[in-house]
C-alpha atoms as a PDB file:
ATOM      1  CA  UNK A   1      54.916 -62.330 100.963  1.00  0.00           C
ATOM      2  CA  UNK A   2      51.586 -60.744 100.251  1.00  0.00           C
ATOM      3  CA  UNK A   3      50.909 -58.563  97.247  1.00  0.00           C
ATOM      4  CA  UNK A   4      50.990 -54.773  97.685  1.00  0.00           C
ATOM      5  CA  UNK A   5      47.577 -53.683  96.440  1.00  0.00           C
ATOM      6  CA  UNK A   6      47.567 -49.989  97.333  1.00  0.00           C
ATOM      7  CA  UNK A   7      48.372 -47.230  94.854  1.00  0.00           C
ATOM      8  CA  UNK A   8      49.801 -43.887  95.997  1.00  0.00           C
ATOM      9  CA  UNK A   9      49.241 -40.589  94.086  1.00  0.00           C
ATOM     10  CA  UNK A  10      52.932 -39.759  94.294  1.00  0.00           C
ATOM     11  CA  UNK A  11      53.187 -37.745  91.100  1.00  0.00           C
ATOM     12  CA  UNK A  12      50.343 -35.533  92.284  1.00  0.00           C
ATOM     13  CA  UNK A  13      52.306 -34.876  95.476  1.00  0.00           C
ATOM     14  CA  UNK A  14      55.354 -33.938  93.381  1.00  0.00           C
ATOM     15  CA  UNK A  15      53.268 -31.574  91.278  1.00  0.00           C
ATOM     16  CA  UNK A  16      51.555 -29.986  94.271  1.00  0.00           C
ATOM     17  CA  UNK A  17      54.598 -29.312  96.453  1.00  0.00           C
ATOM     18  CA  UNK A  18      56.492 -27.843  93.488  1.00  0.00           C
ATOM     19  CA  UNK A  19      53.509 -26.070  91.869  1.00  0.00           C
ATOM     20  CA  UNK A  20      54.354 -27.823  88.603  1.00  0.00           C
ATOM     21  CA  UNK A  21      50.779 -28.076  87.383  1.00  0.00           C
ATOM     22  CA  UNK A  22      49.663 -24.554  88.304  1.00  0.00           C
ATOM     23  CA  UNK A  23      49.120 -23.741  84.633  1.00  0.00           C
ATOM     24  CA  UNK A  24      47.485 -27.026  83.674  1.00  0.00           C
ATOM     25  CA  UNK A  25      48.145 -30.753  83.533  1.00  0.00           C
ATOM     26  CA  UNK A  26      51.712 -31.840  82.904  1.00  0.00           C
ATOM     27  CA  UNK A  27      53.057 -35.052  81.414  1.00  0.00           C
ATOM     28  CA  UNK A  28      55.829 -37.012  83.116  1.00  0.00           C
ATOM     29  CA  UNK A  29      58.351 -38.277  80.547  1.00  0.00           C
ATOM     30  CA  UNK A  30      60.468 -41.408  80.884  1.00  0.00           C
ATOM     31  CA  UNK A  31      63.090 -42.776  78.529  1.00  0.00           C
ATOM     32  CA  UNK A  32      64.953 -46.083  78.143  1.00  0.00           C
ATOM     33  CA  UNK A  33      67.095 -46.561  81.213  1.00  0.00           C
ATOM     34  CA  UNK A  34      64.869 -44.572  83.594  1.00  0.00           C
ATOM     35  CA  UNK A  35      62.369 -47.323  84.368  1.00  0.00           C
ATOM     36  CA  UNK A  36      62.554 -50.337  86.657  1.00  0.00           C
ATOM     37  CA  UNK A  37      64.552 -53.319  85.405  1.00  0.00           C
ATOM     38  CA  UNK A  38      66.223 -51.508  82.493  1.00  0.00           C
ATOM     39  CA  UNK A  39      69.879 -52.247  81.690  1.00  0.00           C
ATOM     40  CA  UNK A  40      70.305 -49.022  79.667  1.00  0.00           C
ATOM     41  CA  UNK A  41      71.908 -45.768  80.783  1.00  0.00           C
ATOM     42  CA  UNK A  42      69.834 -42.675  80.015  1.00  0.00           C
ATOM     43  CA  UNK A  43      72.397 -39.955  80.839  1.00  0.00           C
ATOM     44  CA  UNK A  44      75.076 -38.755  78.358  1.00  0.00           C
ATOM     45  CA  UNK A  45      77.461 -41.573  79.352  1.00  0.00           C
ATOM     46  CA  UNK A  46      75.378 -44.005  77.294  1.00  0.00           C
ATOM     47  CA  UNK A  47      75.772 -47.756  77.286  1.00  0.00           C
ATOM     48  CA  UNK A  48      74.669 -50.477  79.676  1.00  0.00           C
ATOM     49  CA  UNK A  49      74.302 -50.527  83.442  1.00  0.00           C
ATOM     50  CA  UNK A  50      76.262 -53.223  85.306  1.00  0.00           C
ATOM     51  CA  UNK A  51      72.983 -54.442  86.861  1.00  0.00           C
ATOM     52  CA  UNK A  52      69.298 -53.910  86.145  1.00  0.00           C
ATOM     53  CA  UNK A  53      67.871 -50.597  87.360  1.00  0.00           C
ATOM     54  CA  UNK A  54      66.557 -50.979  90.923  1.00  0.00           C
ATOM     55  CA  UNK A  55      63.812 -48.363  90.665  1.00  0.00           C
ATOM     56  CA  UNK A  56      62.531 -45.340  88.777  1.00  0.00           C
ATOM     57  CA  UNK A  57      64.385 -42.144  87.833  1.00  0.00           C
ATOM     58  CA  UNK A  58      62.200 -39.020  87.726  1.00  0.00           C
ATOM     59  CA  UNK A  59      63.518 -35.933  86.001  1.00  0.00           C
ATOM     60  CA  UNK A  60      61.675 -34.823  82.850  1.00  0.00           C
ATOM     61  CA  UNK A  61      58.184 -33.442  82.412  1.00  0.00           C
ATOM     62  CA  UNK A  62      56.165 -31.401  79.957  1.00  0.00           C
ATOM     63  CA  UNK A  63      54.323 -28.292  81.074  1.00  0.00           C
ATOM     64  CA  UNK A  64      50.903 -27.134  79.928  1.00  0.00           C
ATOM     65  CA  UNK A  65      52.513 -25.278  76.994  1.00  0.00           C
ATOM     66  CA  UNK A  66      54.080 -28.554  75.822  1.00  0.00           C
ATOM     67  CA  UNK A  67      57.547 -27.321  76.747  1.00  0.00           C
ATOM     68  CA  UNK A  68      59.990 -29.966  77.942  1.00  0.00           C
ATOM     69  CA  UNK A  69      61.283 -29.287  81.463  1.00  0.00           C
ATOM     70  CA  UNK A  70      63.644 -31.050  83.833  1.00  0.00           C
ATOM     71  CA  UNK A  71      64.424 -31.020  87.525  1.00  0.00           C
ATOM     72  CA  UNK A  72      66.822 -28.593  89.131  1.00  0.00           C
ATOM     73  CA  UNK A  73      68.063 -28.364  92.702  1.00  0.00           C
ATOM     74  CA  UNK A  74      64.953 -26.421  93.783  1.00  0.00           C
ATOM     75  CA  UNK A  75      62.673 -29.448  93.281  1.00  0.00           C
ATOM     76  CA  UNK A  76      61.175 -30.537  96.594  1.00  0.00           C
ATOM     77  CA  UNK A  77      60.835 -34.243  97.364  1.00  0.00           C
ATOM     78  CA  UNK A  78      57.687 -35.557  99.095  1.00  0.00           C
ATOM     79  CA  UNK A  79      57.188 -39.084 100.438  1.00  0.00           C
ATOM     80  CA  UNK A  80      54.554 -41.424  99.067  1.00  0.00           C
ATOM     81  CA  UNK A  81      52.905 -42.251 102.418  1.00  0.00           C
ATOM     82  CA  UNK A  82      53.452 -41.954 106.166  1.00  0.00           C
ATOM     83  CA  UNK A  83      56.424 -43.785 107.610  1.00  0.00           C
ATOM     84  CA  UNK A  84      59.517 -43.760 109.785  1.00  0.00           C
ATOM     85  CA  UNK A  85      63.077 -42.956 108.695  1.00  0.00           C
ATOM     86  CA  UNK A  86      65.137 -46.115 109.154  1.00  0.00           C
ATOM     87  CA  UNK A  87      68.349 -45.053 107.380  1.00  0.00           C
ATOM     88  CA  UNK A  88      70.075 -42.123 105.686  1.00  0.00           C
ATOM     89  CA  UNK A  89      73.214 -42.818 103.674  1.00  0.00           C
ATOM     90  CA  UNK A  90      75.451 -41.175 101.122  1.00  0.00           C
ATOM     91  CA  UNK A  91      75.074 -42.063  97.460  1.00  0.00           C
ATOM     92  CA  UNK A  92      77.106 -40.982  94.458  1.00  0.00           C
ATOM     93  CA  UNK A  93      74.984 -37.868  93.774  1.00  0.00           C
ATOM     94  CA  UNK A  94      73.666 -36.887  97.197  1.00  0.00           C
ATOM     95  CA  UNK A  95      72.012 -38.915  99.934  1.00  0.00           C
ATOM     96  CA  UNK A  96      69.384 -41.656 100.138  1.00  0.00           C
ATOM     97  CA  UNK A  97      66.578 -41.758 102.699  1.00  0.00           C
ATOM     98  CA  UNK A  98      65.010 -45.126 103.595  1.00  0.00           C
ATOM     99  CA  UNK A  99      61.469 -45.143 105.010  1.00  0.00           C
ATOM    100  CA  UNK A 100      59.571 -48.013 106.611  1.00  0.00           C
ATOM    101  CA  UNK A 101      55.868 -47.611 105.947  1.00  0.00           C
ATOM    102  CA  UNK A 102      54.071 -50.379 107.765  1.00  0.00           C
ATOM    103  CA  UNK A 103      54.502 -53.813 109.201  1.00  0.00           C
ATOM    104  CA  UNK A 104      51.848 -56.281 108.106  1.00  0.00           C
ATOM    105  CA  UNK A 105      53.172 -59.793 108.673  1.00  0.00           C
ATOM    106  CA  UNK A 106      54.824 -61.359 106.921  1.00  0.00           C
ATOM    107  CA  UNK A 107      56.062 -58.276 105.025  1.00  0.00           C
ATOM    108  CA  UNK A 108      56.685 -54.559 105.298  1.00  0.00           C
ATOM    109  CA  UNK A 109      57.009 -51.858 102.663  1.00  0.00           C
ATOM    110  CA  UNK A 110      60.166 -49.737 102.354  1.00  0.00           C
ATOM    111  CA  UNK A 111      60.685 -46.804 100.009  1.00  0.00           C
ATOM    112  CA  UNK A 112      63.990 -45.140  99.181  1.00  0.00           C
ATOM    113  CA  UNK A 113      64.393 -41.557  97.924  1.00  0.00           C
ATOM    114  CA  UNK A 114      67.874 -41.213  96.426  1.00  0.00           C
ATOM    115  CA  UNK A 115      70.108 -38.464  95.012  1.00  0.00           C
ATOM    116  CA  UNK A 116      68.554 -35.845  97.281  1.00  0.00           C
ATOM    117  CA  UNK A 117      69.638 -33.386  99.966  1.00  0.00           C
ATOM    118  CA  UNK A 118      67.519 -34.257 103.029  1.00  0.00           C
ATOM    119  CA  UNK A 119      66.403 -31.559 105.436  1.00  0.00           C
ATOM    120  CA  UNK A 120      68.307 -31.466 108.738  1.00  0.00           C
ATOM    121  CA  UNK A 121      65.405 -33.019 110.676  1.00  0.00           C
ATOM    122  CA  UNK A 122      65.352 -36.165 108.522  1.00  0.00           C
ATOM    123  CA  UNK A 123      67.182 -38.475 110.890  1.00  0.00           C
ATOM    124  CA  UNK A 124      66.852 -42.051 112.112  1.00  0.00           C
ATOM    125  CA  UNK A 125      63.494 -42.563 113.846  1.00  0.00           C
ATOM    126  CA  UNK A 126      61.834 -39.418 112.474  1.00  0.00           C
ATOM    127  CA  UNK A 127      58.170 -39.960 111.584  1.00  0.00           C
ATOM    128  CA  UNK A 128      56.917 -38.459 108.314  1.00  0.00           C
ATOM    129  CA  UNK A 129      53.349 -37.774 107.214  1.00  0.00           C
ATOM    130  CA  UNK A 130      51.910 -38.707 103.829  1.00  0.00           C
ATOM    131  CA  UNK A 131      53.206 -36.316 101.116  1.00  0.00           C
ATOM    132  CA  UNK A 132      55.551 -34.582 103.587  1.00  0.00           C
ATOM    133  CA  UNK A 133      58.551 -32.954 101.904  1.00  0.00           C
ATOM    134  CA  UNK A 134      61.836 -34.428 103.159  1.00  0.00           C
ATOM    135  CA  UNK A 135      64.400 -32.535 101.068  1.00  0.00           C
ATOM    136  CA  UNK A 136      65.386 -31.303  97.622  1.00  0.00           C
ATOM    137  CA  UNK A 137      67.007 -32.889  94.584  1.00  0.00           C
ATOM    138  CA  UNK A 138      70.817 -32.912  94.707  1.00  0.00           C
ATOM    139  CA  UNK A 139      72.587 -30.430  92.445  1.00  0.00           C
ATOM    140  CA  UNK A 140      74.590 -32.383  89.836  1.00  0.00           C
ATOM    141  CA  UNK A 141      76.002 -29.358  87.995  1.00  0.00           C
ATOM    142  CA  UNK A 142      79.628 -29.800  86.964  1.00  0.00           C
ATOM    143  CA  UNK A 143      79.828 -33.567  87.469  1.00  0.00           C
ATOM    144  CA  UNK A 144      81.954 -35.482  84.976  1.00  0.00           C
ATOM    145  CA  UNK A 145      79.184 -37.896  84.023  1.00  0.00           C
ATOM    146  CA  UNK A 146      76.913 -34.930  83.155  1.00  0.00           C
ATOM    147  CA  UNK A 147      74.024 -36.722  84.852  1.00  0.00           C
ATOM    148  CA  UNK A 148      70.987 -34.426  85.192  1.00  0.00           C
ATOM    149  CA  UNK A 149      69.530 -33.755  88.626  1.00  0.00           C
ATOM    150  CA  UNK A 150      66.906 -36.421  89.249  1.00  0.00           C
ATOM    151  CA  UNK A 151      65.071 -38.360  91.926  1.00  0.00           C
ATOM    152  CA  UNK A 152      65.576 -42.100  92.121  1.00  0.00           C
ATOM    153  CA  UNK A 153      62.855 -44.097  93.901  1.00  0.00           C
ATOM    154  CA  UNK A 154      63.205 -47.711  94.960  1.00  0.00           C
ATOM    155  CA  UNK A 155      60.321 -49.598  96.565  1.00  0.00           C
ATOM    156  CA  UNK A 156      60.711 -53.026  98.155  1.00  0.00           C
ATOM    157  CA  UNK A 157      59.058 -55.578 100.370  1.00  0.00           C
ATOM    158  CA  UNK A 158      61.096 -57.068 103.180  1.00  0.00           C
ATOM    159  CA  UNK A 159      60.309 -59.530 105.975  1.00  0.00           C
ATOM    160  CA  UNK A 160      58.519 -57.677 108.767  1.00  0.00           C
ATOM    161  CA  UNK A 161      60.941 -59.052 111.350  1.00  0.00           C
ATOM    162  CA  UNK A 162      64.175 -57.988 109.677  1.00  0.00           C
ATOM    163  CA  UNK A 163      66.490 -56.183 112.118  1.00  0.00           C
ATOM    164  CA  UNK A 164      70.125 -55.270 112.320  1.00  0.00           C
ATOM    165  CA  UNK A 165      70.414 -54.795 108.557  1.00  0.00           C
ATOM    166  CA  UNK A 166      72.754 -52.061 107.350  1.00  0.00           C
ATOM    167  CA  UNK A 167      70.644 -50.203 104.809  1.00  0.00           C
ATOM    168  CA  UNK A 168      72.513 -48.576 101.950  1.00  0.00           C
ATOM    169  CA  UNK A 169      72.923 -48.994  98.184  1.00  0.00           C
ATOM    170  CA  UNK A 170      74.818 -52.255  98.663  1.00  0.00           C
ATOM    171  CA  UNK A 171      71.735 -53.634 100.381  1.00  0.00           C
ATOM    172  CA  UNK A 172      69.456 -52.525  97.527  1.00  0.00           C
ATOM    173  CA  UNK A 173      71.735 -54.192  94.958  1.00  0.00           C
ATOM    174  CA  UNK A 174      72.243 -57.367  97.014  1.00  0.00           C
ATOM    175  CA  UNK A 175      70.405 -60.412  95.689  1.00  0.00           C
ATOM    176  CA  UNK A 176      69.625 -61.451  99.274  1.00  0.00           C
ATOM    177  CA  UNK A 177      67.671 -58.323 100.169  1.00  0.00           C
ATOM    178  CA  UNK A 178      63.932 -57.821 100.023  1.00  0.00           C
ATOM    179  CA  UNK A 179      61.857 -58.082  96.876  1.00  0.00           C
ATOM    180  CA  UNK A 180      62.113 -55.026  94.642  1.00  0.00           C
ATOM    181  CA  UNK A 181      58.869 -53.687  93.203  1.00  0.00           C
ATOM    182  CA  UNK A 182      58.273 -51.751  90.008  1.00  0.00           C
ATOM    183  CA  UNK A 183      57.404 -48.256  91.312  1.00  0.00           C
ATOM    184  CA  UNK A 184      54.922 -47.791  88.452  1.00  0.00           C
ATOM    185  CA  UNK A 185      52.827 -50.560  90.037  1.00  0.00           C
ATOM    186  CA  UNK A 186      52.206 -48.567  93.222  1.00  0.00           C
ATOM    187  CA  UNK A 187      52.845 -44.912  92.312  1.00  0.00           C
ATOM    188  CA  UNK A 188      49.777 -43.721  90.428  1.00  0.00           C
ATOM    189  CA  UNK A 189      50.827 -41.740  87.341  1.00  0.00           C
ATOM    190  CA  UNK A 190      47.890 -40.960  85.014  1.00  0.00           C
ATOM    191  CA  UNK A 191      49.958 -38.645  82.812  1.00  0.00           C
ATOM    192  CA  UNK A 192      53.126 -40.651  82.237  1.00  0.00           C
ATOM    193  CA  UNK A 193      54.675 -41.378  78.851  1.00  0.00           C
ATOM    194  CA  UNK A 194      57.520 -43.758  78.075  1.00  0.00           C
ATOM    195  CA  UNK A 195      59.316 -42.342  75.046  1.00  0.00           C
ATOM    196  CA  UNK A 196      61.866 -44.010  72.753  1.00  0.00           C
ATOM    197  CA  UNK A 197      64.739 -41.554  73.234  1.00  0.00           C
ATOM    198  CA  UNK A 198      65.738 -38.257  74.800  1.00  0.00           C
ATOM    199  CA  UNK A 199      65.532 -35.363  72.384  1.00  0.00           C
ATOM    200  CA  UNK A 200      67.017 -31.916  72.977  1.00  0.00           C
END
């Protein structure tokens, strides 16, 4: 499969649709367990994940006053580029939306936006424009695992001809699925910091 060589300004889309950088440049903060391939948990139920992290968790940022902020259920979720909705499924915090972005034999690019509440129009076959908002972050208040509201993004390459595949979290975690990509390799983030631990 060919290499994905395009970079999408996804974090700028997040900032713009939520007016996060209205007062100046913000910094996106990531901790052990939030990045691709990590085996750590980053939420209060610390320890190890059963499998390596399949994507990137986005939740924390620093505003222009250097105050640490985190997502709430008002955060709007844009897509990284134009595509077609090919699946919507439940996940353990909300729902996951799968988008097919292009078909360029022998591979295609799929992105997944998880732990969100999609808008009612986000259904199978719906076409989305670049940076279009598809929903909001799921509210995790009151959950036993005390997991903060966050967006999980998975990006993968699959064979362009794949059909009849049931797309859900089992597919993402299945060793036989497409090739997972590190979202940092294709989502341009000029103001990202990977920090050693979460501090209150």
